Amino acid sequence: MIDSDPNGPYRYPVSDIRDQDEAEPGIMPSQTVGPYVHIGLTWPGAENMVAEDADGAVEVTFRITDGVGHLIKDAMVEVWQADADGVYPSPLDPRAGDDAGRDGFRGLGRGMCGETGEVTFRTVRPGAVPAPDGGTEAPHLKVGVFARGMLERLYTRMYFPEQDEANGADPVLAVVPEERRALLVATADGADAYRMDIVMQHEDPRQETPFFAL
């Protein structure tokens, strides 16, 4: 992650090497993507996955910060989810088949963070979905985060706080250390609204959002 405080000290050591011949051989650092993650990706209204008056509509707000608590104001967030019946609106879900997305709900949203470091999605509350092992995954949103300083998106999940029993049996949540599972459970933010803080880095792993390798 880049240094996000232009007025403070550098968070990472600054090399005093002035000639490349003086550098020790080794693995080169990765090149970050720069502040360009929005170019060609901005899709006005893509964070509104359903109409405001849709049955079961909820709002979910994500707030993105770095390891020292600074807002990541130009992060891009994508969510992917099942519908209220637990069916993914995709031809890859055999339960949807050729009818995927025909009711106007595609299950995919994209939003850009602004000065508040937040983005709010309007969607439907998803249903539980079948797990590969034959069990059931609790209702959740799959979340992808893009930001400057990263070559690839980070993957995480958001679970719902009222689903205690289902969350406790979720096979994906079970692989997260117990003391960190609460970081993937949103908090209620009024009627039919939720909020989740995503912390990209932290010296204390108990405070950094768990991410998944896919």
N, C-alpha and C. Protein backbone atom coordinates (compact mmCIF):
# COMPACT_ATOMS: atom_id res chain seq x y z
N MET A 1 0.85 -1.19 0.00
CA MET A 1 0.00 0.00 0.00
C MET A 1 0.89 1.24 0.00
N ILE A 2 0.43 2.25 -0.70
CA ILE A 2 1.22 3.46 -0.80
C ILE A 2 1.18 4.24 0.50
N ASP A 3 2.11 5.19 0.65
CA ASP A 3 2.01 6.15 1.74
C ASP A 3 0.85 7.07 1.44
N SER A 4 -0.08 7.17 2.37
CA SER A 4 -1.28 7.96 2.10
C SER A 4 -1.29 9.30 2.82
N ASP A 5 -0.25 9.59 3.59
CA ASP A 5 -0.18 10.87 4.28
C ASP A 5 0.95 11.69 3.66
N PRO A 6 0.63 12.67 2.80
CA PRO A 6 1.69 13.41 2.11
C PRO A 6 2.47 14.33 3.03
N ASN A 7 1.98 14.56 4.24
CA ASN A 7 2.63 15.50 5.14
C ASN A 7 3.41 14.83 6.27
N GLY A 8 3.26 13.53 6.42
CA GLY A 8 3.93 12.83 7.51
C GLY A 8 5.19 12.14 7.05
N PRO A 9 5.87 11.46 7.96
CA PRO A 9 7.08 10.73 7.57
C PRO A 9 6.72 9.53 6.71
N TYR A 10 7.69 9.06 5.93
CA TYR A 10 7.46 7.87 5.11
C TYR A 10 7.20 6.67 6.02
N ARG A 11 6.27 5.84 5.61
CA ARG A 11 5.97 4.65 6.39
C ARG A 11 6.95 3.53 6.09
N TYR A 12 7.67 3.62 4.96
CA TYR A 12 8.59 2.58 4.57
C TYR A 12 9.97 3.17 4.36
N PRO A 13 11.04 2.38 4.53
CA PRO A 13 12.40 2.89 4.37
C PRO A 13 12.62 3.48 2.99
N VAL A 14 13.38 4.56 2.94
CA VAL A 14 13.72 5.20 1.68
C VAL A 14 15.17 4.84 1.35
N SER A 15 15.39 4.25 0.17
CA SER A 15 16.73 3.82 -0.21
C SER A 15 17.63 5.02 -0.49
N ASP A 16 18.91 4.89 -0.10
CA ASP A 16 19.88 5.95 -0.40
C ASP A 16 20.75 5.58 -1.59
N ILE A 17 20.40 4.50 -2.30
CA ILE A 17 21.16 4.07 -3.47
C ILE A 17 20.92 5.06 -4.62
N ARG A 18 22.01 5.52 -5.22
CA ARG A 18 21.89 6.46 -6.33
C ARG A 18 22.37 5.87 -7.65
N ASP A 19 23.01 4.72 -7.61
CA ASP A 19 23.52 4.06 -8.81
C ASP A 19 23.02 2.63 -8.80
N GLN A 20 22.41 2.19 -9.90
CA GLN A 20 21.84 0.84 -9.92
C GLN A 20 22.89 -0.24 -9.70
N ASP A 21 24.15 0.07 -10.02
CA ASP A 21 25.20 -0.92 -9.83
C ASP A 21 25.48 -1.18 -8.34
N GLU A 22 25.00 -0.30 -7.49
CA GLU A 22 25.20 -0.46 -6.05
C GLU A 22 24.11 -1.33 -5.42
N ALA A 23 23.06 -1.59 -6.16
CA ALA A 23 21.93 -2.34 -5.60
C ALA A 23 22.25 -3.83 -5.55
N GLU A 24 21.86 -4.47 -4.46
CA GLU A 24 22.01 -5.91 -4.33
C GLU A 24 21.03 -6.61 -5.26
N PRO A 25 21.43 -7.72 -5.88
CA PRO A 25 20.48 -8.44 -6.74
C PRO A 25 19.38 -9.07 -5.90
N GLY A 26 18.23 -9.21 -6.50
CA GLY A 26 17.10 -9.81 -5.79
C GLY A 26 15.82 -9.59 -6.55
N ILE A 27 14.71 -9.87 -5.92
CA ILE A 27 13.40 -9.74 -6.54
C ILE A 27 13.04 -8.27 -6.61
N MET A 28 12.64 -7.83 -7.78
CA MET A 28 12.24 -6.44 -7.97
C MET A 28 10.90 -6.19 -7.29
N PRO A 29 10.69 -5.00 -6.75
CA PRO A 29 9.37 -4.68 -6.19
C PRO A 29 8.34 -4.58 -7.30
N SER A 30 7.09 -4.90 -6.97
CA SER A 30 6.04 -4.82 -7.98
C SER A 30 5.73 -3.37 -8.29
N GLN A 31 5.28 -3.12 -9.50
CA GLN A 31 4.90 -1.76 -9.91
C GLN A 31 3.42 -1.57 -9.65
N THR A 32 3.07 -0.54 -8.94
CA THR A 32 1.67 -0.31 -8.62
C THR A 32 0.93 0.26 -9.82
N VAL A 33 -0.37 0.18 -9.77
CA VAL A 33 -1.17 0.59 -10.91
C VAL A 33 -1.38 2.09 -10.96
N GLY A 34 -1.00 2.81 -9.92
CA GLY A 34 -1.21 4.25 -9.94
C GLY A 34 -2.66 4.61 -9.67
N PRO A 35 -2.96 5.90 -9.72
CA PRO A 35 -4.32 6.35 -9.39
C PRO A 35 -5.25 6.30 -10.59
N TYR A 36 -5.26 5.15 -11.29
CA TYR A 36 -5.99 5.09 -12.54
C TYR A 36 -7.08 4.02 -12.53
N VAL A 37 -7.43 3.51 -11.38
CA VAL A 37 -8.34 2.37 -11.36
C VAL A 37 -9.73 2.72 -11.87
N HIS A 38 -10.07 4.00 -11.96
CA HIS A 38 -11.41 4.37 -12.41
C HIS A 38 -11.52 4.50 -13.92
N ILE A 39 -10.42 4.70 -14.59
CA ILE A 39 -10.47 4.99 -16.02
C ILE A 39 -11.07 3.80 -16.78
N GLY A 40 -12.13 4.07 -17.51
CA GLY A 40 -12.80 3.04 -18.28
C GLY A 40 -13.68 2.11 -17.47
N LEU A 41 -13.71 2.30 -16.15
CA LEU A 41 -14.49 1.41 -15.29
C LEU A 41 -15.69 2.10 -14.65
N THR A 42 -15.72 3.42 -14.72
CA THR A 42 -16.83 4.14 -14.12
C THR A 42 -18.13 3.83 -14.85
N TRP A 43 -19.10 3.44 -14.09
CA TRP A 43 -20.40 3.02 -14.63
C TRP A 43 -21.47 3.69 -13.77
N PRO A 44 -21.94 4.86 -14.19
CA PRO A 44 -22.88 5.63 -13.36
C PRO A 44 -24.08 4.79 -12.94
N GLY A 45 -24.36 4.80 -11.65
CA GLY A 45 -25.51 4.08 -11.13
C GLY A 45 -25.30 2.61 -10.89
N ALA A 46 -24.07 2.12 -11.12
CA ALA A 46 -23.83 0.68 -10.98
C ALA A 46 -23.89 0.21 -9.53
N GLU A 47 -23.88 1.15 -8.59
CA GLU A 47 -24.00 0.75 -7.19
C GLU A 47 -25.46 0.52 -6.79
N ASN A 48 -26.39 0.94 -7.65
CA ASN A 48 -27.82 0.73 -7.40
C ASN A 48 -28.27 -0.50 -8.17
N MET A 49 -28.25 -1.63 -7.49
CA MET A 49 -28.52 -2.91 -8.14
C MET A 49 -30.01 -3.20 -8.26
N VAL A 50 -30.81 -2.50 -7.48
CA VAL A 50 -32.27 -2.62 -7.57
C VAL A 50 -32.87 -1.23 -7.41
N ALA A 51 -34.14 -1.12 -7.77
CA ALA A 51 -34.83 0.15 -7.60
C ALA A 51 -35.04 0.44 -6.12
N GLU A 52 -35.20 1.72 -5.82
CA GLU A 52 -35.35 2.13 -4.42
C GLU A 52 -36.56 1.50 -3.76
N ASP A 53 -37.61 1.26 -4.53
CA ASP A 53 -38.85 0.70 -3.96
C ASP A 53 -38.95 -0.81 -4.15
N ALA A 54 -37.86 -1.46 -4.51
CA ALA A 54 -37.88 -2.91 -4.72
C ALA A 54 -38.15 -3.64 -3.42
N ASP A 55 -38.89 -4.75 -3.50
CA ASP A 55 -39.16 -5.56 -2.32
C ASP A 55 -37.84 -6.09 -1.74
N GLY A 56 -37.69 -5.94 -0.44
CA GLY A 56 -36.50 -6.46 0.22
C GLY A 56 -35.24 -5.66 -0.01
N ALA A 57 -35.37 -4.44 -0.51
CA ALA A 57 -34.19 -3.63 -0.79
C ALA A 57 -33.47 -3.25 0.51
N VAL A 58 -32.15 -3.31 0.48
CA VAL A 58 -31.32 -2.90 1.61
C VAL A 58 -30.18 -2.05 1.07
N GLU A 59 -29.59 -1.27 1.95
CA GLU A 59 -28.41 -0.49 1.59
C GLU A 59 -27.22 -1.00 2.40
N VAL A 60 -26.09 -1.13 1.72
CA VAL A 60 -24.87 -1.60 2.36
C VAL A 60 -23.76 -0.60 2.05
N THR A 61 -23.16 -0.06 3.11
CA THR A 61 -22.09 0.93 2.96
C THR A 61 -20.76 0.32 3.38
N PHE A 62 -19.76 0.48 2.52
CA PHE A 62 -18.40 0.05 2.82
C PHE A 62 -17.52 1.28 3.00
N ARG A 63 -16.71 1.26 4.04
CA ARG A 63 -15.74 2.33 4.30
C ARG A 63 -14.36 1.72 4.23
N ILE A 64 -13.48 2.29 3.39
CA ILE A 64 -12.18 1.70 3.12
C ILE A 64 -11.09 2.57 3.73
N THR A 65 -10.24 1.96 4.57
CA THR A 65 -9.12 2.69 5.17
C THR A 65 -7.84 1.88 5.03
N ASP A 66 -6.69 2.58 5.15
CA ASP A 66 -5.41 1.88 5.11
C ASP A 66 -4.94 1.58 6.52
N GLY A 67 -3.70 1.13 6.63
CA GLY A 67 -3.21 0.63 7.91
C GLY A 67 -3.03 1.67 8.99
N VAL A 68 -2.98 2.94 8.62
CA VAL A 68 -2.86 3.98 9.65
C VAL A 68 -4.16 4.76 9.81
N GLY A 69 -5.23 4.22 9.22
CA GLY A 69 -6.54 4.82 9.42
C GLY A 69 -6.92 5.89 8.43
N HIS A 70 -6.09 6.12 7.40
CA HIS A 70 -6.44 7.12 6.40
C HIS A 70 -7.44 6.55 5.41
N LEU A 71 -8.38 7.39 4.99
CA LEU A 71 -9.37 6.98 4.01
C LEU A 71 -8.71 6.72 2.66
N ILE A 72 -9.13 5.67 1.98
CA ILE A 72 -8.69 5.42 0.60
C ILE A 72 -9.80 5.96 -0.28
N LYS A 73 -9.64 7.21 -0.71
CA LYS A 73 -10.75 7.94 -1.30
C LYS A 73 -11.03 7.57 -2.75
N ASP A 74 -10.12 6.85 -3.41
CA ASP A 74 -10.38 6.51 -4.80
C ASP A 74 -10.44 5.00 -5.00
N ALA A 75 -10.75 4.26 -3.94
CA ALA A 75 -10.92 2.81 -4.08
C ALA A 75 -12.17 2.50 -4.89
N MET A 76 -12.15 1.37 -5.54
CA MET A 76 -13.33 0.89 -6.26
C MET A 76 -13.74 -0.44 -5.63
N VAL A 77 -15.03 -0.59 -5.40
CA VAL A 77 -15.56 -1.79 -4.74
C VAL A 77 -16.56 -2.46 -5.67
N GLU A 78 -16.45 -3.78 -5.80
CA GLU A 78 -17.44 -4.57 -6.53
C GLU A 78 -18.05 -5.60 -5.59
N VAL A 79 -19.33 -5.84 -5.76
CA VAL A 79 -20.01 -6.89 -4.99
C VAL A 79 -20.69 -7.85 -5.95
N TRP A 80 -20.77 -9.10 -5.53
CA TRP A 80 -21.40 -10.17 -6.31
C TRP A 80 -22.18 -11.02 -5.33
N GLN A 81 -23.43 -11.32 -5.65
CA GLN A 81 -24.27 -11.99 -4.67
C GLN A 81 -25.37 -12.79 -5.33
N ALA A 82 -25.99 -13.65 -4.53
CA ALA A 82 -27.18 -14.37 -4.95
C ALA A 82 -28.40 -13.48 -4.75
N ASP A 83 -29.52 -13.90 -5.33
CA ASP A 83 -30.76 -13.15 -5.13
C ASP A 83 -31.41 -13.59 -3.83
N ALA A 84 -32.62 -13.13 -3.60
CA ALA A 84 -33.30 -13.42 -2.33
C ALA A 84 -33.58 -14.90 -2.15
N ASP A 85 -33.60 -15.66 -3.24
CA ASP A 85 -33.84 -17.10 -3.16
C ASP A 85 -32.55 -17.90 -3.07
N GLY A 86 -31.42 -17.21 -3.01
CA GLY A 86 -30.15 -17.91 -2.93
C GLY A 86 -29.65 -18.41 -4.27
N VAL A 87 -30.17 -17.86 -5.37
CA VAL A 87 -29.76 -18.26 -6.71
C VAL A 87 -28.89 -17.17 -7.32
N TYR A 88 -27.74 -17.55 -7.84
CA TYR A 88 -26.88 -16.57 -8.50
C TYR A 88 -27.45 -16.28 -9.91
N PRO A 89 -27.63 -15.02 -10.25
CA PRO A 89 -28.17 -14.67 -11.57
C PRO A 89 -27.10 -14.82 -12.64
N SER A 90 -26.67 -16.03 -12.86
CA SER A 90 -25.60 -16.32 -13.81
C SER A 90 -25.87 -17.65 -14.48
N PRO A 91 -25.55 -17.78 -15.77
CA PRO A 91 -25.70 -19.09 -16.43
C PRO A 91 -24.85 -20.18 -15.78
N LEU A 92 -23.84 -19.78 -14.98
CA LEU A 92 -23.00 -20.76 -14.31
C LEU A 92 -23.73 -21.43 -13.15
N ASP A 93 -24.82 -20.82 -12.68
CA ASP A 93 -25.65 -21.45 -11.66
C ASP A 93 -26.73 -22.23 -12.37
N PRO A 94 -26.68 -23.56 -12.31
CA PRO A 94 -27.67 -24.36 -13.07
C PRO A 94 -29.10 -24.09 -12.66
N ARG A 95 -29.31 -23.55 -11.46
CA ARG A 95 -30.67 -23.25 -11.03
C ARG A 95 -31.22 -22.03 -11.76
N ALA A 96 -30.34 -21.18 -12.28
CA ALA A 96 -30.77 -20.00 -13.03
C ALA A 96 -30.84 -20.29 -14.52
N GLY A 97 -29.79 -20.94 -15.01
CA GLY A 97 -29.78 -21.32 -16.42
C GLY A 97 -29.92 -20.14 -17.35
N ASP A 98 -30.70 -20.32 -18.40
CA ASP A 98 -30.87 -19.29 -19.41
C ASP A 98 -31.70 -18.11 -18.92
N ASP A 99 -32.35 -18.24 -17.78
CA ASP A 99 -33.17 -17.16 -17.25
C ASP A 99 -32.36 -16.19 -16.39
N ALA A 100 -31.07 -16.41 -16.29
CA ALA A 100 -30.25 -15.58 -15.41
C ALA A 100 -30.35 -14.11 -15.79
N GLY A 101 -30.69 -13.31 -14.81
CA GLY A 101 -30.72 -11.86 -14.99
C GLY A 101 -31.92 -11.32 -15.73
N ARG A 102 -32.82 -12.16 -16.15
CA ARG A 102 -33.95 -11.67 -16.93
C ARG A 102 -34.95 -10.86 -16.12
N ASP A 103 -34.92 -11.01 -14.81
CA ASP A 103 -35.83 -10.21 -13.99
C ASP A 103 -35.22 -8.85 -13.66
N GLY A 104 -34.08 -8.54 -14.25
CA GLY A 104 -33.45 -7.23 -14.04
C GLY A 104 -32.43 -7.19 -12.94
N PHE A 105 -32.28 -8.28 -12.18
CA PHE A 105 -31.28 -8.31 -11.11
C PHE A 105 -30.12 -9.18 -11.55
N ARG A 106 -28.95 -8.56 -11.68
CA ARG A 106 -27.78 -9.30 -12.16
C ARG A 106 -26.83 -9.71 -11.04
N GLY A 107 -27.06 -9.21 -9.85
CA GLY A 107 -26.24 -9.62 -8.71
C GLY A 107 -24.87 -8.99 -8.65
N LEU A 108 -24.56 -8.09 -9.58
CA LEU A 108 -23.24 -7.46 -9.64
C LEU A 108 -23.38 -5.96 -9.49
N GLY A 109 -22.59 -5.39 -8.58
CA GLY A 109 -22.58 -3.95 -8.39
C GLY A 109 -21.16 -3.42 -8.34
N ARG A 110 -21.00 -2.17 -8.73
CA ARG A 110 -19.69 -1.53 -8.71
C ARG A 110 -19.86 -0.11 -8.22
N GLY A 111 -19.01 0.29 -7.29
CA GLY A 111 -19.11 1.65 -6.76
C GLY A 111 -17.75 2.24 -6.49
N MET A 112 -17.66 3.55 -6.63
CA MET A 112 -16.42 4.28 -6.43
C MET A 112 -16.48 5.05 -5.11
N CYS A 113 -15.45 4.93 -4.31
CA CYS A 113 -15.38 5.69 -3.07
C CYS A 113 -15.08 7.16 -3.40
N GLY A 114 -15.56 8.04 -2.55
CA GLY A 114 -15.32 9.46 -2.72
C GLY A 114 -14.53 10.02 -1.56
N GLU A 115 -14.76 11.28 -1.27
CA GLU A 115 -14.00 11.97 -0.23
C GLU A 115 -14.19 11.34 1.14
N THR A 116 -15.31 10.67 1.34
CA THR A 116 -15.57 10.03 2.63
C THR A 116 -14.92 8.66 2.74
N GLY A 117 -14.35 8.18 1.63
CA GLY A 117 -13.80 6.83 1.63
C GLY A 117 -14.87 5.76 1.70
N GLU A 118 -16.12 6.13 1.34
CA GLU A 118 -17.24 5.22 1.46
C GLU A 118 -17.96 5.06 0.13
N VAL A 119 -18.63 3.93 -0.01
CA VAL A 119 -19.52 3.71 -1.14
C VAL A 119 -20.71 2.91 -0.63
N THR A 120 -21.90 3.27 -1.10
CA THR A 120 -23.13 2.61 -0.66
C THR A 120 -23.80 1.91 -1.82
N PHE A 121 -24.15 0.65 -1.61
CA PHE A 121 -24.86 -0.15 -2.60
C PHE A 121 -26.31 -0.31 -2.18
N ARG A 122 -27.20 -0.27 -3.15
CA ARG A 122 -28.60 -0.62 -2.90
C ARG A 122 -28.88 -1.93 -3.61
N THR A 123 -29.25 -2.93 -2.83
CA THR A 123 -29.41 -4.27 -3.38
C THR A 123 -30.52 -5.00 -2.64
N VAL A 124 -30.62 -6.29 -2.83
CA VAL A 124 -31.58 -7.10 -2.08
C VAL A 124 -30.83 -7.97 -1.08
N ARG A 125 -31.52 -8.32 -0.04
CA ARG A 125 -30.94 -9.21 0.96
C ARG A 125 -30.82 -10.61 0.34
N PRO A 126 -29.60 -11.15 0.22
CA PRO A 126 -29.45 -12.44 -0.44
C PRO A 126 -29.93 -13.59 0.43
N GLY A 127 -30.28 -14.69 -0.22
CA GLY A 127 -30.62 -15.90 0.50
C GLY A 127 -29.39 -16.77 0.71
N ALA A 128 -29.54 -17.82 1.50
CA ALA A 128 -28.45 -18.78 1.70
C ALA A 128 -28.21 -19.52 0.39
N VAL A 129 -26.97 -19.95 0.20
CA VAL A 129 -26.61 -20.62 -1.06
C VAL A 129 -25.98 -21.98 -0.76
N PRO A 130 -26.08 -22.92 -1.69
CA PRO A 130 -25.46 -24.24 -1.47
C PRO A 130 -23.94 -24.13 -1.44
N ALA A 131 -23.32 -24.89 -0.56
CA ALA A 131 -21.86 -24.94 -0.49
C ALA A 131 -21.36 -26.13 -1.31
N PRO A 132 -20.13 -26.06 -1.79
CA PRO A 132 -19.61 -27.16 -2.62
C PRO A 132 -19.62 -28.52 -1.93
N ASP A 133 -19.52 -28.52 -0.59
CA ASP A 133 -19.47 -29.79 0.13
C ASP A 133 -20.85 -30.36 0.44
N GLY A 134 -21.88 -29.71 -0.10
CA GLY A 134 -23.23 -30.18 0.15
C GLY A 134 -23.92 -29.46 1.27
N GLY A 135 -23.20 -28.62 2.01
CA GLY A 135 -23.80 -27.84 3.08
C GLY A 135 -24.42 -26.56 2.54
N THR A 136 -24.48 -25.56 3.41
CA THR A 136 -25.10 -24.29 3.05
C THR A 136 -24.22 -23.14 3.52
N GLU A 137 -24.06 -22.14 2.68
CA GLU A 137 -23.36 -20.93 3.06
C GLU A 137 -24.38 -19.88 3.50
N ALA A 138 -24.05 -19.17 4.55
CA ALA A 138 -24.94 -18.14 5.06
C ALA A 138 -25.11 -17.02 4.03
N PRO A 139 -26.21 -16.28 4.09
CA PRO A 139 -26.37 -15.13 3.20
C PRO A 139 -25.17 -14.19 3.32
N HIS A 140 -24.64 -13.76 2.19
CA HIS A 140 -23.44 -12.93 2.22
C HIS A 140 -23.28 -12.20 0.89
N LEU A 141 -22.42 -11.22 0.90
CA LEU A 141 -21.97 -10.55 -0.31
C LEU A 141 -20.50 -10.89 -0.52
N LYS A 142 -20.13 -11.23 -1.74
CA LYS A 142 -18.73 -11.34 -2.11
C LYS A 142 -18.25 -9.94 -2.48
N VAL A 143 -17.09 -9.55 -1.96
CA VAL A 143 -16.62 -8.18 -2.11
C VAL A 143 -15.22 -8.17 -2.71
N GLY A 144 -15.04 -7.37 -3.74
CA GLY A 144 -13.72 -7.16 -4.33
C GLY A 144 -13.32 -5.70 -4.18
N VAL A 145 -12.08 -5.45 -3.78
CA VAL A 145 -11.60 -4.09 -3.58
C VAL A 145 -10.41 -3.82 -4.50
N PHE A 146 -10.49 -2.75 -5.26
CA PHE A 146 -9.40 -2.29 -6.11
C PHE A 146 -8.91 -0.95 -5.55
N ALA A 147 -7.61 -0.71 -5.61
CA ALA A 147 -7.09 0.58 -5.15
C ALA A 147 -5.70 0.80 -5.71
N ARG A 148 -5.29 2.05 -5.77
CA ARG A 148 -3.93 2.33 -6.18
C ARG A 148 -2.96 1.63 -5.24
N GLY A 149 -1.83 1.25 -5.77
CA GLY A 149 -0.85 0.55 -4.94
C GLY A 149 -1.02 -0.95 -4.95
N MET A 150 -2.07 -1.46 -5.65
CA MET A 150 -2.30 -2.91 -5.69
C MET A 150 -2.33 -3.36 -7.14
N LEU A 151 -1.71 -4.49 -7.40
CA LEU A 151 -1.73 -5.05 -8.76
C LEU A 151 -2.98 -5.88 -9.00
N GLU A 152 -3.54 -6.45 -7.96
CA GLU A 152 -4.73 -7.29 -8.09
C GLU A 152 -5.74 -6.90 -7.03
N ARG A 153 -7.00 -7.18 -7.32
CA ARG A 153 -8.04 -6.88 -6.34
C ARG A 153 -7.88 -7.77 -5.11
N LEU A 154 -8.44 -7.32 -4.00
CA LEU A 154 -8.52 -8.13 -2.80
C LEU A 154 -9.94 -8.65 -2.67
N TYR A 155 -10.07 -9.89 -2.21
CA TYR A 155 -11.37 -10.52 -2.08
C TYR A 155 -11.72 -10.72 -0.61
N THR A 156 -12.94 -10.34 -0.26
CA THR A 156 -13.41 -10.60 1.09
C THR A 156 -14.92 -10.87 1.02
N ARG A 157 -15.56 -10.95 2.16
CA ARG A 157 -17.00 -11.21 2.22
C ARG A 157 -17.64 -10.32 3.27
N MET A 158 -18.94 -10.11 3.11
CA MET A 158 -19.73 -9.41 4.12
C MET A 158 -20.91 -10.29 4.51
N TYR A 159 -21.03 -10.57 5.81
CA TYR A 159 -22.13 -11.36 6.34
C TYR A 159 -23.08 -10.44 7.11
N PHE A 160 -24.28 -10.93 7.35
CA PHE A 160 -25.33 -10.12 7.98
C PHE A 160 -25.42 -10.43 9.48
N PRO A 161 -25.56 -9.40 10.31
CA PRO A 161 -25.48 -9.60 11.77
C PRO A 161 -26.64 -10.40 12.36
N GLU A 162 -27.81 -10.39 11.71
CA GLU A 162 -28.96 -11.10 12.27
C GLU A 162 -28.94 -12.59 11.95
N GLN A 163 -27.92 -13.03 11.19
CA GLN A 163 -27.84 -14.43 10.78
C GLN A 163 -26.85 -15.21 11.66
N ASP A 164 -26.98 -15.08 12.96
CA ASP A 164 -26.02 -15.70 13.87
C ASP A 164 -25.89 -17.20 13.65
N GLU A 165 -27.01 -17.89 13.58
CA GLU A 165 -26.97 -19.35 13.46
C GLU A 165 -26.37 -19.75 12.11
N ALA A 166 -26.81 -19.10 11.04
CA ALA A 166 -26.28 -19.43 9.72
C ALA A 166 -24.80 -19.08 9.61
N ASN A 167 -24.42 -17.94 10.18
CA ASN A 167 -23.00 -17.55 10.15
C ASN A 167 -22.14 -18.56 10.89
N GLY A 168 -22.67 -19.07 11.99
CA GLY A 168 -21.91 -20.03 12.78
C GLY A 168 -21.67 -21.33 12.05
N ALA A 169 -22.51 -21.64 11.07
CA ALA A 169 -22.37 -22.89 10.31
C ALA A 169 -21.75 -22.68 8.94
N ASP A 170 -21.39 -21.45 8.62
CA ASP A 170 -20.87 -21.15 7.28
C ASP A 170 -19.47 -21.74 7.12
N PRO A 171 -19.23 -22.55 6.08
CA PRO A 171 -17.93 -23.21 5.95
C PRO A 171 -16.80 -22.27 5.57
N VAL A 172 -17.10 -21.16 4.90
CA VAL A 172 -16.05 -20.21 4.55
C VAL A 172 -15.66 -19.37 5.76
N LEU A 173 -16.65 -18.92 6.48
CA LEU A 173 -16.36 -18.13 7.69
C LEU A 173 -15.60 -18.98 8.70
N ALA A 174 -15.82 -20.29 8.66
CA ALA A 174 -15.17 -21.18 9.62
C ALA A 174 -13.66 -21.27 9.42
N VAL A 175 -13.17 -20.96 8.21
CA VAL A 175 -11.72 -21.04 7.98
C VAL A 175 -11.00 -19.79 8.48
N VAL A 176 -11.76 -18.75 8.84
CA VAL A 176 -11.17 -17.53 9.39
C VAL A 176 -10.95 -17.74 10.89
N PRO A 177 -9.79 -17.34 11.41
CA PRO A 177 -9.59 -17.48 12.85
C PRO A 177 -10.76 -16.88 13.64
N GLU A 178 -11.17 -17.58 14.67
CA GLU A 178 -12.38 -17.20 15.39
C GLU A 178 -12.36 -15.75 15.86
N GLU A 179 -11.19 -15.28 16.31
CA GLU A 179 -11.12 -13.92 16.84
C GLU A 179 -11.24 -12.86 15.75
N ARG A 180 -11.22 -13.27 14.47
CA ARG A 180 -11.31 -12.30 13.37
C ARG A 180 -12.62 -12.40 12.60
N ARG A 181 -13.44 -13.35 12.92
CA ARG A 181 -14.67 -13.56 12.13
C ARG A 181 -15.61 -12.37 12.21
N ALA A 182 -15.66 -11.71 13.35
CA ALA A 182 -16.57 -10.57 13.51
C ALA A 182 -16.23 -9.44 12.54
N LEU A 183 -14.99 -9.41 12.02
CA LEU A 183 -14.60 -8.37 11.08
C LEU A 183 -15.31 -8.51 9.74
N LEU A 184 -15.87 -9.68 9.47
CA LEU A 184 -16.59 -9.91 8.23
C LEU A 184 -18.10 -9.81 8.39
N VAL A 185 -18.55 -9.47 9.59
CA VAL A 185 -19.98 -9.33 9.85
C VAL A 185 -20.30 -7.84 9.92
N ALA A 186 -21.20 -7.39 9.08
CA ALA A 186 -21.57 -5.97 9.05
C ALA A 186 -22.31 -5.60 10.33
N THR A 187 -22.43 -4.31 10.55
CA THR A 187 -23.24 -3.81 11.65
C THR A 187 -24.50 -3.17 11.08
N ALA A 188 -25.59 -3.28 11.82
CA ALA A 188 -26.84 -2.63 11.39
C ALA A 188 -26.66 -1.13 11.48
N ASP A 189 -27.20 -0.43 10.48
CA ASP A 189 -27.05 1.03 10.41
C ASP A 189 -28.41 1.65 10.14
N GLY A 190 -29.37 1.28 10.97
CA GLY A 190 -30.73 1.73 10.78
C GLY A 190 -31.56 0.65 10.11
N ALA A 191 -32.80 1.00 9.77
CA ALA A 191 -33.70 0.03 9.15
C ALA A 191 -33.21 -0.33 7.75
N ASP A 192 -33.03 -1.62 7.53
CA ASP A 192 -32.63 -2.14 6.21
C ASP A 192 -31.36 -1.49 5.69
N ALA A 193 -30.43 -1.24 6.57
CA ALA A 193 -29.15 -0.65 6.17
C ALA A 193 -28.03 -1.27 7.01
N TYR A 194 -26.88 -1.45 6.36
CA TYR A 194 -25.74 -2.08 7.01
C TYR A 194 -24.47 -1.31 6.67
N ARG A 195 -23.47 -1.53 7.52
CA ARG A 195 -22.20 -0.85 7.31
C ARG A 195 -21.06 -1.82 7.65
N MET A 196 -19.99 -1.77 6.84
CA MET A 196 -18.83 -2.60 7.10
C MET A 196 -17.58 -1.78 6.82
N ASP A 197 -16.65 -1.79 7.75
CA ASP A 197 -15.35 -1.15 7.56
C ASP A 197 -14.37 -2.18 7.00
N ILE A 198 -13.68 -1.80 5.94
CA ILE A 198 -12.66 -2.65 5.35
C ILE A 198 -11.31 -1.99 5.59
N VAL A 199 -10.48 -2.67 6.38
CA VAL A 199 -9.15 -2.16 6.72
C VAL A 199 -8.14 -2.92 5.88
N MET A 200 -7.45 -2.22 5.00
CA MET A 200 -6.58 -2.88 4.03
C MET A 200 -5.30 -3.42 4.64
N GLN A 201 -4.77 -2.74 5.62
CA GLN A 201 -3.55 -3.17 6.28
C GLN A 201 -3.64 -2.78 7.74
N HIS A 202 -2.96 -3.53 8.59
CA HIS A 202 -2.86 -3.13 10.00
C HIS A 202 -1.76 -3.95 10.66
N GLU A 203 -1.02 -3.31 11.52
CA GLU A 203 0.03 -4.03 12.23
C GLU A 203 -0.54 -5.12 13.11
N ASP A 204 -1.75 -4.89 13.60
CA ASP A 204 -2.44 -5.88 14.43
C ASP A 204 -3.38 -6.67 13.53
N PRO A 205 -3.10 -7.94 13.25
CA PRO A 205 -3.96 -8.72 12.35
C PRO A 205 -5.38 -8.87 12.85
N ARG A 206 -5.59 -8.64 14.12
CA ARG A 206 -6.94 -8.74 14.65
C ARG A 206 -7.81 -7.58 14.20
N GLN A 207 -7.20 -6.55 13.61
CA GLN A 207 -7.94 -5.39 13.14
C GLN A 207 -7.98 -5.27 11.63
N GLU A 208 -7.14 -6.06 10.93
CA GLU A 208 -7.14 -6.03 9.47
C GLU A 208 -8.22 -6.95 8.93
N THR A 209 -8.96 -6.48 7.96
CA THR A 209 -10.02 -7.29 7.34
C THR A 209 -9.43 -8.57 6.76
N PRO A 210 -10.02 -9.71 7.03
CA PRO A 210 -9.55 -10.95 6.40
C PRO A 210 -9.83 -10.94 4.89
N PHE A 211 -8.83 -11.32 4.12
CA PHE A 211 -8.98 -11.44 2.67
C PHE A 211 -8.71 -12.88 2.28
N PHE A 212 -9.27 -13.28 1.13
CA PHE A 212 -9.18 -14.67 0.69
C PHE A 212 -8.36 -14.78 -0.59
N ALA A 213 -7.56 -15.82 -0.67
CA ALA A 213 -6.80 -16.12 -1.87
C ALA A 213 -7.65 -17.00 -2.78
N LEU A 214 -7.84 -16.56 -4.02
CA LEU A 214 -8.69 -17.31 -4.96
C LEU A 214 -7.86 -17.76 -6.14
